[in-house]
């Protein structure tokens, strides 16, 4: 698990956006083989909720047969979030998920 705070304030994610990452269990293949998924948890866009909390959103990649490939997905997600915020992250997520269709 990796955790970092986004510096700068040059995009919609905000200056103190905290992001956590993890490799989580995926859905087993029909053969029973285990799979893993990249998971990145980002702050929700917009203002604080009624209790002053912002909330988070989990973004997950496709099922992978290797933790190394899931880690590569995490690296892509983090780079996308750093450069373009949540919109760029979702774009990368769609591209990764389409690659398995």
C-alpha atoms as a PDB file:
ATOM      1  CA  UNK A   1       0.000   0.000   0.000  1.00  0.00           C
ATOM      2  CA  UNK A   2       1.286   3.409  -0.979  1.00  0.00           C
ATOM      3  CA  UNK A   3      -0.001   6.693   0.380  1.00  0.00           C
ATOM      4  CA  UNK A   4       0.963  10.180  -0.747  1.00  0.00           C
ATOM      5  CA  UNK A   5      -0.347  13.706  -0.707  1.00  0.00           C
ATOM      6  CA  UNK A   6      -0.715  15.587  -3.927  1.00  0.00           C
ATOM      7  CA  UNK A   7       1.314  18.775  -3.948  1.00  0.00           C
ATOM      8  CA  UNK A   8       0.689  21.908  -5.963  1.00  0.00           C
ATOM      9  CA  UNK A   9      -2.833  23.075  -6.594  1.00  0.00           C
ATOM     10  CA  UNK A  10      -2.759  23.288 -10.313  1.00  0.00           C
ATOM     11  CA  UNK A  11      -5.678  20.947 -11.042  1.00  0.00           C
ATOM     12  CA  UNK A  12      -9.121  20.036  -9.765  1.00  0.00           C
ATOM     13  CA  UNK A  13      -7.846  17.424  -7.309  1.00  0.00           C
ATOM     14  CA  UNK A  14      -6.795  20.053  -4.789  1.00  0.00           C
ATOM     15  CA  UNK A  15      -3.556  20.778  -3.002  1.00  0.00           C
ATOM     16  CA  UNK A  16      -3.917  18.306  -0.144  1.00  0.00           C
ATOM     17  CA  UNK A  17      -5.526  15.409  -1.964  1.00  0.00           C
ATOM     18  CA  UNK A  18      -4.509  12.177  -0.247  1.00  0.00           C
ATOM     19  CA  UNK A  19      -4.280   9.090  -2.426  1.00  0.00           C
ATOM     20  CA  UNK A  20      -3.820   5.490  -1.285  1.00  0.00           C
ATOM     21  CA  UNK A  21      -3.059   2.501  -3.475  1.00  0.00           C
ATOM     22  CA  UNK A  22      -3.240  -1.251  -3.033  1.00  0.00           C
ATOM     23  CA  UNK A  23      -3.251  -4.518  -4.941  1.00  0.00           C
ATOM     24  CA  UNK A  24      -6.504  -6.279  -4.052  1.00  0.00           C
ATOM     25  CA  UNK A  25      -7.845  -9.750  -4.815  1.00  0.00           C
ATOM     26  CA  UNK A  26      -9.649  -9.979  -8.135  1.00  0.00           C
ATOM     27  CA  UNK A  27     -12.303 -12.367  -9.351  1.00  0.00           C
ATOM     28  CA  UNK A  28     -10.819 -15.863  -9.828  1.00  0.00           C
ATOM     29  CA  UNK A  29     -10.653 -17.110 -13.410  1.00  0.00           C
ATOM     30  CA  UNK A  30     -12.911 -19.988 -14.500  1.00  0.00           C
ATOM     31  CA  UNK A  31      -9.912 -22.310 -14.020  1.00  0.00           C
ATOM     32  CA  UNK A  32      -9.724 -21.235 -10.368  1.00  0.00           C
ATOM     33  CA  UNK A  33      -6.495 -19.268 -10.945  1.00  0.00           C
ATOM     34  CA  UNK A  34      -6.200 -16.240  -8.648  1.00  0.00           C
ATOM     35  CA  UNK A  35      -6.225 -12.704 -10.047  1.00  0.00           C
ATOM     36  CA  UNK A  36      -5.390  -9.276  -8.639  1.00  0.00           C
ATOM     37  CA  UNK A  37      -6.531  -5.725  -9.318  1.00  0.00           C
ATOM     38  CA  UNK A  38      -4.989  -2.313  -8.881  1.00  0.00           C
ATOM     39  CA  UNK A  39      -6.964  -0.065  -6.537  1.00  0.00           C
ATOM     40  CA  UNK A  40      -6.434   3.664  -6.101  1.00  0.00           C
ATOM     41  CA  UNK A  41      -8.504   5.584  -3.554  1.00  0.00           C
ATOM     42  CA  UNK A  42      -8.853   9.292  -4.287  1.00  0.00           C
ATOM     43  CA  UNK A  43     -10.756  12.128  -2.611  1.00  0.00           C
ATOM     44  CA  UNK A  44     -14.153  12.915  -4.132  1.00  0.00           C
ATOM     45  CA  UNK A  45     -14.258  16.079  -6.163  1.00  0.00           C
ATOM     46  CA  UNK A  46     -16.340  18.967  -4.928  1.00  0.00           C
ATOM     47  CA  UNK A  47     -16.692  20.470  -1.493  1.00  0.00           C
ATOM     48  CA  UNK A  48     -17.019  18.902   1.902  1.00  0.00           C
ATOM     49  CA  UNK A  49     -20.123  17.007   2.932  1.00  0.00           C
ATOM     50  CA  UNK A  50     -22.502  18.007   5.717  1.00  0.00           C
ATOM     51  CA  UNK A  51     -20.145  16.789   8.444  1.00  0.00           C
ATOM     52  CA  UNK A  52     -17.102  18.491   6.918  1.00  0.00           C
ATOM     53  CA  UNK A  53     -15.778  15.258   5.430  1.00  0.00           C
ATOM     54  CA  UNK A  54     -14.952  15.006   1.773  1.00  0.00           C
ATOM     55  CA  UNK A  55     -15.298  11.268   1.146  1.00  0.00           C
ATOM     56  CA  UNK A  56     -13.325   9.052  -1.195  1.00  0.00           C
ATOM     57  CA  UNK A  57     -13.767   7.102  -4.408  1.00  0.00           C
ATOM     58  CA  UNK A  58     -12.076   3.780  -5.215  1.00  0.00           C
ATOM     59  CA  UNK A  59     -10.912   3.297  -8.790  1.00  0.00           C
ATOM     60  CA  UNK A  60      -9.997  -0.260  -9.798  1.00  0.00           C
ATOM     61  CA  UNK A  61      -8.289  -1.752 -12.796  1.00  0.00           C
ATOM     62  CA  UNK A  62      -9.031  -5.002 -14.603  1.00  0.00           C
ATOM     63  CA  UNK A  63      -8.308  -8.445 -13.172  1.00  0.00           C
ATOM     64  CA  UNK A  64      -4.673  -9.428 -13.740  1.00  0.00           C
ATOM     65  CA  UNK A  65      -2.970 -12.821 -13.469  1.00  0.00           C
ATOM     66  CA  UNK A  66       0.148 -11.239 -11.955  1.00  0.00           C
ATOM     67  CA  UNK A  67       0.675  -8.810  -9.079  1.00  0.00           C
ATOM     68  CA  UNK A  68       3.452  -7.214 -11.157  1.00  0.00           C
ATOM     69  CA  UNK A  69       0.981  -6.276 -13.881  1.00  0.00           C
ATOM     70  CA  UNK A  70      -1.438  -4.926 -11.244  1.00  0.00           C
ATOM     71  CA  UNK A  71       1.435  -2.801  -9.889  1.00  0.00           C
ATOM     72  CA  UNK A  72       2.055  -1.428 -13.382  1.00  0.00           C
ATOM     73  CA  UNK A  73      -1.627  -0.455 -13.474  1.00  0.00           C
ATOM     74  CA  UNK A  74      -1.216   1.359 -10.138  1.00  0.00           C
ATOM     75  CA  UNK A  75       1.773   3.260 -11.521  1.00  0.00           C
ATOM     76  CA  UNK A  76      -0.308   4.326 -14.547  1.00  0.00           C
ATOM     77  CA  UNK A  77      -3.205   5.384 -12.308  1.00  0.00           C
ATOM     78  CA  UNK A  78      -1.007   7.447  -9.981  1.00  0.00           C
ATOM     79  CA  UNK A  79       0.772   9.184 -12.860  1.00  0.00           C
ATOM     80  CA  UNK A  80      -2.567   9.981 -14.511  1.00  0.00           C
ATOM     81  CA  UNK A  81      -3.946  11.420 -11.260  1.00  0.00           C
ATOM     82  CA  UNK A  82      -0.831  13.515 -10.671  1.00  0.00           C
ATOM     83  CA  UNK A  83      -0.944  15.012 -14.151  1.00  0.00           C
ATOM     84  CA  UNK A  84      -4.670  15.350 -14.817  1.00  0.00           C
ATOM     85  CA  UNK A  85      -6.664  14.647 -11.685  1.00  0.00           C
ATOM     86  CA  UNK A  86      -9.676  12.359 -11.480  1.00  0.00           C
ATOM     87  CA  UNK A  87     -10.714  12.882 -15.113  1.00  0.00           C
ATOM     88  CA  UNK A  88      -7.374  11.657 -16.446  1.00  0.00           C
ATOM     89  CA  UNK A  89      -7.409   8.757 -13.969  1.00  0.00           C
ATOM     90  CA  UNK A  90     -10.845   7.626 -15.223  1.00  0.00           C
ATOM     91  CA  UNK A  91      -9.611   7.880 -18.820  1.00  0.00           C
ATOM     92  CA  UNK A  92      -6.700   5.534 -18.040  1.00  0.00           C
ATOM     93  CA  UNK A  93      -9.098   3.196 -16.206  1.00  0.00           C
ATOM     94  CA  UNK A  94     -11.335   2.958 -19.281  1.00  0.00           C
ATOM     95  CA  UNK A  95      -8.329   2.253 -21.527  1.00  0.00           C
ATOM     96  CA  UNK A  96      -7.050  -0.523 -19.239  1.00  0.00           C
ATOM     97  CA  UNK A  97     -10.482  -2.132 -18.895  1.00  0.00           C
ATOM     98  CA  UNK A  98     -11.007  -2.062 -22.680  1.00  0.00           C
ATOM     99  CA  UNK A  99      -7.710  -3.844 -23.230  1.00  0.00           C
ATOM    100  CA  UNK A 100      -9.308  -7.020 -21.783  1.00  0.00           C
ATOM    101  CA  UNK A 101     -12.450  -7.078 -23.944  1.00  0.00           C
END
